[in-house]
Amino acid sequence: MVTKTKQAAGTGEQQALARVIKEAMKSGKYTVGTKEVISELKSAKLVLAASAVSGTDPAAALVKEAEKVSVPVVRVGKSSAELGKMLGRPYRVSAVALRVVADVDLRQLVGSPPRPPKVAE
């Protein structure tokens, strides 16, 4: 299972989250909205979900669909209004699919251990 249930709360995670969102906004390679994210999951590398959407039907469907295609879902410790502000939107955003994420940031947000460096033989 690749869903991260822990909220992104650490300082390092918040910095990585801000960096990932900034890169996605620059490149334009993101999708906003729960229904739109569900339809775009095959091309996504990471899904950010607002913390307050856990009980709603679309959010449950989002997590199920993300598990089917092995896309990690990170619940950020923000409300949908705060997530919308982070994206520079004047409205609430409950989910964001990111198509471009650096591997280092992805590992930090998802919580998997860093890969050991390759040793030249």
Protein backbone atom coordinates (compact mmCIF):
# COMPACT_ATOMS: atom_id res chain seq x y z
CA MET A 1 0.00 0.00 0.00
CA VAL A 2 1.43 3.37 -0.97
CA THR A 3 -1.01 5.68 0.78
CA LYS A 4 0.61 7.81 3.45
CA THR A 5 -1.81 8.33 6.29
CA LYS A 6 0.50 10.47 8.40
CA GLN A 7 0.06 14.16 7.76
CA ALA A 8 3.00 16.05 6.29
CA ALA A 9 3.84 17.94 9.47
CA GLY A 10 7.64 18.10 9.80
CA THR A 11 9.59 21.18 8.85
CA GLY A 12 11.53 19.28 6.20
CA GLU A 13 8.34 17.84 4.79
CA GLN A 14 6.70 21.27 4.68
CA GLN A 15 9.70 22.66 2.78
CA ALA A 16 9.61 19.73 0.38
CA LEU A 17 5.87 20.21 -0.04
CA ALA A 18 6.32 23.92 -0.83
CA ARG A 19 9.13 23.11 -3.27
CA VAL A 20 7.07 20.42 -5.03
CA ILE A 21 4.06 22.72 -5.37
CA LYS A 22 6.22 25.57 -6.67
CA GLU A 23 7.83 23.33 -9.31
CA ALA A 24 4.44 22.00 -10.39
CA MET A 25 3.02 25.52 -10.67
CA LYS A 26 5.98 26.65 -12.80
CA SER A 27 5.78 23.69 -15.15
CA GLY A 28 1.98 23.61 -15.29
CA LYS A 29 2.01 19.83 -14.87
CA TYR A 30 -0.68 19.39 -12.26
CA THR A 31 -4.41 18.73 -12.05
CA VAL A 32 -6.73 20.31 -9.47
CA GLY A 33 -9.98 18.85 -8.08
CA THR A 34 -10.95 15.41 -6.80
CA LYS A 35 -12.89 14.25 -9.86
CA GLU A 36 -10.27 15.58 -12.26
CA VAL A 37 -7.47 13.97 -10.24
CA ILE A 38 -9.24 10.60 -10.36
CA SER A 39 -9.44 10.79 -14.15
CA GLU A 40 -5.76 11.80 -14.44
CA LEU A 41 -4.25 9.29 -11.99
CA LYS A 42 -2.45 7.22 -14.62
CA SER A 43 -0.13 10.10 -15.48
CA ALA A 44 0.36 11.32 -11.88
CA LYS A 45 3.42 10.68 -9.73
CA LEU A 46 1.94 12.03 -6.49
CA VAL A 47 -1.45 13.14 -5.17
CA LEU A 48 -1.80 15.76 -2.44
CA ALA A 49 -5.09 15.72 -0.54
CA ALA A 50 -6.39 18.23 2.00
CA SER A 51 -6.71 16.79 5.50
CA ALA A 52 -10.40 17.59 5.86
CA VAL A 53 -11.59 15.46 2.92
CA SER A 54 -11.03 12.04 4.47
CA GLY A 55 -14.68 11.13 5.06
CA THR A 56 -16.22 12.23 1.78
CA ASP A 57 -17.16 9.77 -0.95
CA PRO A 58 -15.00 11.36 -3.68
CA ALA A 59 -11.96 11.26 -1.36
CA ALA A 60 -12.51 7.58 -0.61
CA ALA A 61 -12.81 6.91 -4.33
CA LEU A 62 -9.62 8.89 -4.91
CA VAL A 63 -7.65 6.77 -2.43
CA LYS A 64 -9.01 3.51 -3.91
CA GLU A 65 -8.19 4.53 -7.47
CA ALA A 66 -4.72 5.73 -6.46
CA GLU A 67 -4.00 2.38 -4.82
CA LYS A 68 -5.04 0.58 -8.02
CA VAL A 69 -2.47 2.46 -10.10
CA SER A 70 0.18 2.65 -7.31
CA VAL A 71 0.20 6.42 -6.96
CA PRO A 72 1.05 7.67 -3.46
CA VAL A 73 -1.50 9.90 -1.74
CA VAL A 74 -0.14 12.36 0.83
CA ARG A 75 -2.59 14.08 3.15
CA VAL A 76 -1.23 17.52 3.86
CA GLY A 77 -1.98 19.09 7.22
CA LYS A 78 -3.97 21.87 5.58
CA SER A 79 -7.62 22.55 4.93
CA SER A 80 -8.88 22.71 1.36
CA ALA A 81 -8.94 26.52 1.57
CA GLU A 82 -5.30 26.60 2.70
CA LEU A 83 -4.29 24.14 -0.03
CA GLY A 84 -6.00 26.40 -2.57
CA LYS A 85 -4.03 29.40 -1.27
CA MET A 86 -0.77 27.43 -1.53
CA LEU A 87 -1.61 26.85 -5.19
CA GLY A 88 -2.46 30.51 -5.72
CA ARG A 89 -6.14 29.77 -6.31
CA PRO A 90 -8.94 31.93 -4.85
CA TYR A 91 -11.05 28.82 -4.16
CA ARG A 92 -10.86 25.60 -2.16
CA VAL A 93 -8.81 22.73 -3.55
CA SER A 94 -9.31 19.30 -2.03
CA ALA A 95 -6.89 17.30 -4.19
CA VAL A 96 -3.98 17.95 -6.54
CA ALA A 97 -2.29 15.45 -8.86
CA LEU A 98 1.33 16.27 -9.66
CA ARG A 99 2.87 14.87 -12.84
CA VAL A 100 6.39 16.19 -12.19
CA VAL A 101 8.05 15.50 -8.83
CA ALA A 102 11.76 15.11 -8.08
CA ASP A 103 12.61 11.65 -6.73
CA VAL A 104 14.20 13.10 -3.59
CA ASP A 105 11.10 15.14 -2.77
CA LEU A 106 8.83 12.20 -3.57
CA ARG A 107 10.72 9.93 -1.16
CA GLN A 108 10.67 12.60 1.54
CA LEU A 109 6.93 13.21 1.26
CA VAL A 110 5.94 9.56 0.93
CA GLY A 111 8.25 8.48 3.73
CA SER A 112 10.24 5.70 2.10
CA PRO A 113 13.87 5.43 3.17
CA PRO A 114 16.47 7.08 0.93
CA ARG A 115 18.26 4.84 -1.51
CA PRO A 116 21.87 4.05 -0.71
CA PRO A 117 24.41 5.54 -3.13
CA LYS A 118 25.70 3.23 -5.84
CA VAL A 119 29.18 1.92 -5.26
CA ALA A 120 31.48 1.79 -8.28
CA GLU A 121 33.23 -1.51 -8.65
